[in-house]
């Protein structure tokens, strides 16, 4: 982790494969969402209250190994923060690209 960046490797477990014996797409999206949140928290602070507003993913190739995710905050705004994520297999094949957008919540004083 660094300012606005997070990189992590997530183990592939065949029991969670999709129908084509590869890393399930929904799990790859979960990886992208989690890693991008960590990247944002390096800028917003570990105690910041953030939540995903929307996300998308484009699958480029089947992932049949562990996955390496690299998230980079595009912009840390006052309330919105988009994050770009690249996902690679262990052979360095680019398997997916994602973008996850977050809202930075203000503390509730009510």
N, C-alpha and C. Protein backbone atom coordinates (compact mmCIF):
# COMPACT_ATOMS: atom_id res chain seq x y z
N UNK A 1 0.84 -1.18 0.00
CA UNK A 1 0.00 0.00 0.00
C UNK A 1 0.88 1.24 0.00
N UNK A 2 0.35 2.25 -0.63
CA UNK A 2 1.00 3.56 -0.68
C UNK A 2 -0.12 4.58 -0.79
N UNK A 3 0.20 5.83 -0.92
CA UNK A 3 -0.83 6.87 -1.04
C UNK A 3 -1.67 6.65 -2.28
N UNK A 4 -2.91 6.20 -2.08
CA UNK A 4 -3.84 6.02 -3.19
C UNK A 4 -3.64 4.76 -3.99
N UNK A 5 -2.80 3.85 -3.51
CA UNK A 5 -2.50 2.62 -4.26
C UNK A 5 -2.55 1.42 -3.31
N UNK A 6 -3.10 0.33 -3.79
CA UNK A 6 -3.05 -0.92 -3.04
C UNK A 6 -2.87 -2.06 -4.04
N UNK A 7 -2.00 -2.99 -3.72
CA UNK A 7 -1.78 -4.17 -4.54
C UNK A 7 -1.86 -5.39 -3.63
N UNK A 8 -2.55 -6.42 -4.11
CA UNK A 8 -2.69 -7.63 -3.30
C UNK A 8 -2.84 -8.84 -4.20
N UNK A 9 -2.47 -9.99 -3.68
CA UNK A 9 -2.67 -11.26 -4.37
C UNK A 9 -3.72 -12.04 -3.59
N UNK A 10 -4.71 -12.57 -4.32
CA UNK A 10 -5.78 -13.36 -3.71
C UNK A 10 -5.69 -14.78 -4.26
N UNK A 11 -5.70 -15.74 -3.36
CA UNK A 11 -5.56 -17.14 -3.75
C UNK A 11 -6.78 -17.62 -4.53
N UNK A 12 -6.50 -18.44 -5.51
CA UNK A 12 -7.56 -19.08 -6.31
C UNK A 12 -7.91 -20.40 -5.63
N UNK A 13 -9.19 -20.62 -5.40
CA UNK A 13 -9.66 -21.88 -4.83
C UNK A 13 -10.66 -22.47 -5.82
N UNK A 14 -10.31 -23.60 -6.41
CA UNK A 14 -11.14 -24.20 -7.47
C UNK A 14 -12.57 -24.50 -7.04
N UNK A 15 -12.81 -24.66 -5.74
CA UNK A 15 -14.17 -24.96 -5.31
C UNK A 15 -15.11 -23.77 -5.51
N UNK A 16 -14.56 -22.58 -5.77
CA UNK A 16 -15.39 -21.40 -6.04
C UNK A 16 -15.36 -20.99 -7.51
N UNK A 17 -14.87 -21.87 -8.37
CA UNK A 17 -14.80 -21.55 -9.80
C UNK A 17 -16.18 -21.32 -10.39
N UNK A 18 -16.19 -20.57 -11.50
CA UNK A 18 -17.40 -20.44 -12.29
C UNK A 18 -17.58 -21.70 -13.13
N UNK A 19 -18.45 -21.65 -14.10
CA UNK A 19 -18.76 -22.84 -14.90
C UNK A 19 -17.64 -23.21 -15.87
N UNK A 20 -16.69 -22.33 -16.09
CA UNK A 20 -15.61 -22.61 -17.05
C UNK A 20 -14.29 -22.91 -16.36
N UNK A 21 -14.35 -23.42 -15.13
CA UNK A 21 -13.14 -23.79 -14.39
C UNK A 21 -12.13 -22.65 -14.36
N UNK A 22 -12.61 -21.49 -13.96
CA UNK A 22 -11.74 -20.33 -13.80
C UNK A 22 -12.29 -19.50 -12.63
N UNK A 23 -11.47 -18.58 -12.16
CA UNK A 23 -11.83 -17.71 -11.05
C UNK A 23 -13.19 -17.09 -11.36
N UNK A 24 -14.16 -17.27 -10.48
CA UNK A 24 -15.52 -16.78 -10.70
C UNK A 24 -15.52 -15.26 -10.84
N UNK A 25 -16.23 -14.74 -11.84
CA UNK A 25 -16.27 -13.31 -12.11
C UNK A 25 -16.78 -12.48 -10.94
N UNK A 26 -17.77 -12.99 -10.24
CA UNK A 26 -18.29 -12.27 -9.08
C UNK A 26 -17.25 -12.14 -7.98
N UNK A 27 -16.42 -13.16 -7.83
CA UNK A 27 -15.35 -13.08 -6.84
C UNK A 27 -14.25 -12.12 -7.29
N UNK A 28 -13.98 -12.08 -8.60
CA UNK A 28 -13.01 -11.09 -9.09
C UNK A 28 -13.51 -9.67 -8.83
N UNK A 29 -14.83 -9.45 -8.96
CA UNK A 29 -15.38 -8.13 -8.67
C UNK A 29 -15.27 -7.82 -7.18
N UNK A 30 -15.46 -8.83 -6.34
CA UNK A 30 -15.30 -8.63 -4.90
C UNK A 30 -13.86 -8.26 -4.57
N UNK A 31 -12.90 -8.91 -5.23
CA UNK A 31 -11.49 -8.56 -5.04
C UNK A 31 -11.26 -7.10 -5.44
N UNK A 32 -11.78 -6.70 -6.59
CA UNK A 32 -11.60 -5.32 -7.06
C UNK A 32 -12.20 -4.34 -6.07
N UNK A 33 -13.39 -4.62 -5.56
CA UNK A 33 -14.06 -3.74 -4.61
C UNK A 33 -13.25 -3.61 -3.32
N UNK A 34 -12.78 -4.72 -2.80
CA UNK A 34 -12.03 -4.71 -1.54
C UNK A 34 -10.70 -3.98 -1.67
N UNK A 35 -9.95 -4.30 -2.71
CA UNK A 35 -8.63 -3.71 -2.88
C UNK A 35 -8.74 -2.21 -3.15
N UNK A 36 -9.76 -1.80 -3.91
CA UNK A 36 -9.93 -0.38 -4.18
C UNK A 36 -10.31 0.38 -2.91
N UNK A 37 -11.10 -0.24 -2.03
CA UNK A 37 -11.43 0.41 -0.76
C UNK A 37 -10.16 0.65 0.06
N UNK A 38 -9.28 -0.35 0.10
CA UNK A 38 -8.02 -0.17 0.84
C UNK A 38 -7.19 0.95 0.24
N UNK A 39 -7.15 1.04 -1.09
CA UNK A 39 -6.40 2.12 -1.74
C UNK A 39 -6.96 3.48 -1.34
N UNK A 40 -8.29 3.62 -1.34
CA UNK A 40 -8.91 4.89 -0.95
C UNK A 40 -8.64 5.22 0.51
N UNK A 41 -8.68 4.23 1.38
CA UNK A 41 -8.46 4.49 2.79
C UNK A 41 -7.05 4.98 3.09
N UNK A 42 -6.08 4.70 2.20
CA UNK A 42 -4.73 5.25 2.40
C UNK A 42 -4.74 6.77 2.27
N UNK A 43 -5.74 7.32 1.57
CA UNK A 43 -5.87 8.78 1.42
C UNK A 43 -6.90 9.37 2.39
N UNK A 44 -8.02 8.68 2.55
CA UNK A 44 -9.12 9.21 3.36
C UNK A 44 -8.91 8.97 4.85
N UNK A 45 -8.04 8.04 5.19
CA UNK A 45 -7.79 7.70 6.59
C UNK A 45 -8.50 6.41 6.96
N UNK A 46 -7.85 5.64 7.82
CA UNK A 46 -8.36 4.31 8.18
C UNK A 46 -9.73 4.36 8.84
N UNK A 47 -10.09 5.47 9.47
CA UNK A 47 -11.38 5.59 10.15
C UNK A 47 -12.47 6.19 9.26
N UNK A 48 -12.14 6.53 8.02
CA UNK A 48 -13.12 7.16 7.12
C UNK A 48 -14.28 6.21 6.86
N UNK A 49 -15.45 6.78 6.75
CA UNK A 49 -16.66 6.02 6.42
C UNK A 49 -16.89 6.14 4.92
N UNK A 50 -16.70 5.03 4.21
CA UNK A 50 -16.88 5.03 2.75
C UNK A 50 -17.82 3.90 2.38
N UNK A 51 -18.47 4.05 1.24
CA UNK A 51 -19.29 2.96 0.73
C UNK A 51 -19.29 3.01 -0.79
N UNK A 52 -19.39 1.86 -1.41
CA UNK A 52 -19.42 1.75 -2.86
C UNK A 52 -20.73 2.33 -3.38
N UNK A 53 -20.64 3.18 -4.42
CA UNK A 53 -21.84 3.69 -5.06
C UNK A 53 -22.16 2.92 -6.33
N UNK A 54 -21.14 2.54 -7.07
CA UNK A 54 -21.32 1.73 -8.27
C UNK A 54 -19.98 1.15 -8.68
N UNK A 55 -20.05 0.10 -9.49
CA UNK A 55 -18.82 -0.53 -9.96
C UNK A 55 -19.10 -1.27 -11.26
N UNK A 56 -18.03 -1.41 -12.05
CA UNK A 56 -18.15 -2.19 -13.29
C UNK A 56 -16.85 -2.94 -13.51
N UNK A 57 -16.95 -3.99 -14.29
CA UNK A 57 -15.77 -4.80 -14.58
C UNK A 57 -15.86 -5.27 -16.03
N UNK A 58 -14.73 -5.34 -16.66
CA UNK A 58 -14.64 -5.89 -18.01
C UNK A 58 -13.66 -7.05 -17.94
N UNK A 59 -14.15 -8.25 -18.26
CA UNK A 59 -13.30 -9.44 -18.23
C UNK A 59 -12.56 -9.54 -19.56
N UNK A 60 -11.26 -9.76 -19.49
CA UNK A 60 -10.41 -9.80 -20.67
C UNK A 60 -9.91 -11.20 -21.00
N UNK A 61 -9.77 -12.04 -19.97
CA UNK A 61 -9.28 -13.41 -20.15
C UNK A 61 -9.66 -14.22 -18.93
N UNK A 62 -9.73 -15.54 -19.09
CA UNK A 62 -10.01 -16.41 -17.95
C UNK A 62 -8.83 -16.37 -16.98
N UNK A 63 -9.15 -16.40 -15.69
CA UNK A 63 -8.12 -16.43 -14.66
C UNK A 63 -8.16 -17.80 -14.01
N UNK A 64 -7.12 -18.58 -14.19
CA UNK A 64 -7.06 -19.94 -13.65
C UNK A 64 -5.98 -20.10 -12.58
N UNK A 65 -5.47 -18.98 -12.10
CA UNK A 65 -4.43 -18.97 -11.07
C UNK A 65 -4.88 -18.02 -9.97
N UNK A 66 -4.01 -17.78 -9.00
CA UNK A 66 -4.25 -16.69 -8.06
C UNK A 66 -4.39 -15.41 -8.88
N UNK A 67 -4.96 -14.38 -8.29
CA UNK A 67 -5.13 -13.12 -9.01
C UNK A 67 -4.37 -12.02 -8.27
N UNK A 68 -3.72 -11.16 -9.03
CA UNK A 68 -3.03 -9.97 -8.48
C UNK A 68 -3.85 -8.76 -8.88
N UNK A 69 -4.28 -8.01 -7.89
CA UNK A 69 -5.08 -6.81 -8.14
C UNK A 69 -4.27 -5.58 -7.78
N UNK A 70 -4.32 -4.58 -8.67
CA UNK A 70 -3.63 -3.32 -8.45
C UNK A 70 -4.67 -2.21 -8.56
N UNK A 71 -4.92 -1.52 -7.44
CA UNK A 71 -5.92 -0.45 -7.40
C UNK A 71 -5.22 0.89 -7.27
N UNK A 72 -5.75 1.89 -8.00
CA UNK A 72 -5.19 3.25 -7.97
C UNK A 72 -6.34 4.24 -7.91
N UNK A 73 -6.33 5.09 -6.90
CA UNK A 73 -7.37 6.12 -6.79
C UNK A 73 -7.21 7.10 -7.94
N UNK A 74 -8.27 7.30 -8.69
CA UNK A 74 -8.26 8.24 -9.81
C UNK A 74 -8.37 9.67 -9.29
N UNK A 75 -9.31 9.90 -8.37
CA UNK A 75 -9.50 11.22 -7.77
C UNK A 75 -10.10 11.06 -6.39
N UNK A 76 -9.48 11.72 -5.42
CA UNK A 76 -10.00 11.71 -4.05
C UNK A 76 -10.72 13.04 -3.84
N UNK A 77 -12.00 13.05 -4.17
CA UNK A 77 -12.80 14.26 -4.01
C UNK A 77 -13.34 14.39 -2.59
N UNK A 78 -14.11 15.47 -2.37
CA UNK A 78 -14.70 15.68 -1.05
C UNK A 78 -15.73 14.61 -0.71
N UNK A 79 -16.52 14.23 -1.74
CA UNK A 79 -17.56 13.24 -1.47
C UNK A 79 -17.46 12.00 -2.36
N UNK A 80 -16.91 12.13 -3.55
CA UNK A 80 -16.81 10.99 -4.46
C UNK A 80 -15.36 10.65 -4.76
N UNK A 81 -15.10 9.35 -4.95
CA UNK A 81 -13.74 8.90 -5.23
C UNK A 81 -13.79 7.69 -6.15
N UNK A 82 -13.47 7.88 -7.44
CA UNK A 82 -13.37 6.73 -8.35
C UNK A 82 -11.99 6.06 -8.23
N UNK A 83 -11.99 4.75 -8.36
CA UNK A 83 -10.75 3.97 -8.25
C UNK A 83 -10.67 3.01 -9.44
N UNK A 84 -9.51 2.95 -10.08
CA UNK A 84 -9.26 2.03 -11.20
C UNK A 84 -8.53 0.79 -10.67
N UNK A 85 -8.94 -0.37 -11.19
CA UNK A 85 -8.33 -1.62 -10.74
C UNK A 85 -7.95 -2.46 -11.96
N UNK A 86 -6.73 -2.95 -11.98
CA UNK A 86 -6.27 -3.90 -12.98
C UNK A 86 -6.04 -5.23 -12.29
N UNK A 87 -6.52 -6.31 -12.92
CA UNK A 87 -6.37 -7.65 -12.35
C UNK A 87 -5.56 -8.51 -13.31
N UNK A 88 -4.59 -9.24 -12.76
CA UNK A 88 -3.68 -10.07 -13.55
C UNK A 88 -3.62 -11.47 -12.96
N UNK A 89 -3.41 -12.47 -13.82
CA UNK A 89 -3.15 -13.81 -13.28
C UNK A 89 -1.67 -13.90 -12.94
N UNK A 90 -1.24 -15.04 -12.45
CA UNK A 90 0.15 -15.19 -12.02
C UNK A 90 1.13 -15.31 -13.18
N UNK A 91 0.61 -15.39 -14.42
CA UNK A 91 1.46 -15.36 -15.61
C UNK A 91 1.51 -13.94 -16.19
N UNK A 92 1.01 -12.97 -15.42
CA UNK A 92 0.97 -11.55 -15.79
C UNK A 92 0.04 -11.27 -16.97
N UNK A 93 -0.95 -12.15 -17.18
CA UNK A 93 -1.97 -11.91 -18.20
C UNK A 93 -3.01 -10.98 -17.58
N UNK A 94 -3.33 -9.92 -18.29
CA UNK A 94 -4.33 -8.95 -17.84
C UNK A 94 -5.71 -9.60 -17.98
N UNK A 95 -6.34 -9.99 -16.87
CA UNK A 95 -7.59 -10.75 -16.94
C UNK A 95 -8.83 -9.88 -16.79
N UNK A 96 -8.70 -8.69 -16.22
CA UNK A 96 -9.88 -7.83 -16.06
C UNK A 96 -9.46 -6.41 -15.71
N UNK A 97 -10.33 -5.47 -16.04
CA UNK A 97 -10.20 -4.08 -15.60
C UNK A 97 -11.52 -3.71 -14.93
N UNK A 98 -11.43 -2.93 -13.87
CA UNK A 98 -12.62 -2.53 -13.14
C UNK A 98 -12.50 -1.07 -12.72
N UNK A 99 -13.65 -0.47 -12.46
CA UNK A 99 -13.69 0.84 -11.83
C UNK A 99 -14.73 0.77 -10.72
N UNK A 100 -14.33 1.23 -9.56
CA UNK A 100 -15.21 1.23 -8.40
C UNK A 100 -15.30 2.66 -7.89
N UNK A 101 -16.52 3.13 -7.68
CA UNK A 101 -16.73 4.49 -7.20
C UNK A 101 -17.27 4.45 -5.77
N UNK A 102 -16.74 5.34 -4.95
CA UNK A 102 -17.11 5.41 -3.54
C UNK A 102 -17.66 6.78 -3.21
N UNK A 103 -18.54 6.81 -2.20
CA UNK A 103 -18.95 8.06 -1.59
C UNK A 103 -18.30 8.09 -0.22
N UNK A 104 -17.79 9.24 0.15
CA UNK A 104 -17.19 9.44 1.47
C UNK A 104 -18.29 10.05 2.33
N UNK A 105 -18.74 9.27 3.31
CA UNK A 105 -19.87 9.67 4.15
C UNK A 105 -19.43 10.62 5.25
N UNK A 106 -20.28 11.56 5.54
CA UNK A 106 -20.03 12.50 6.64
C UNK A 106 -20.59 11.88 7.92
N UNK A 107 -19.95 12.15 9.04
CA UNK A 107 -20.49 11.61 10.30
C UNK A 107 -21.91 12.11 10.55
N UNK A 108 -22.75 11.24 11.09
CA UNK A 108 -24.14 11.59 11.40
C UNK A 108 -24.17 12.27 12.77
N UNK A 109 -24.68 13.47 12.82
CA UNK A 109 -24.79 14.20 14.08
C UNK A 109 -26.26 14.43 14.40
N UNK A 110 -26.98 13.37 14.69
CA UNK A 110 -28.41 13.54 14.89
C UNK A 110 -28.94 13.02 16.11
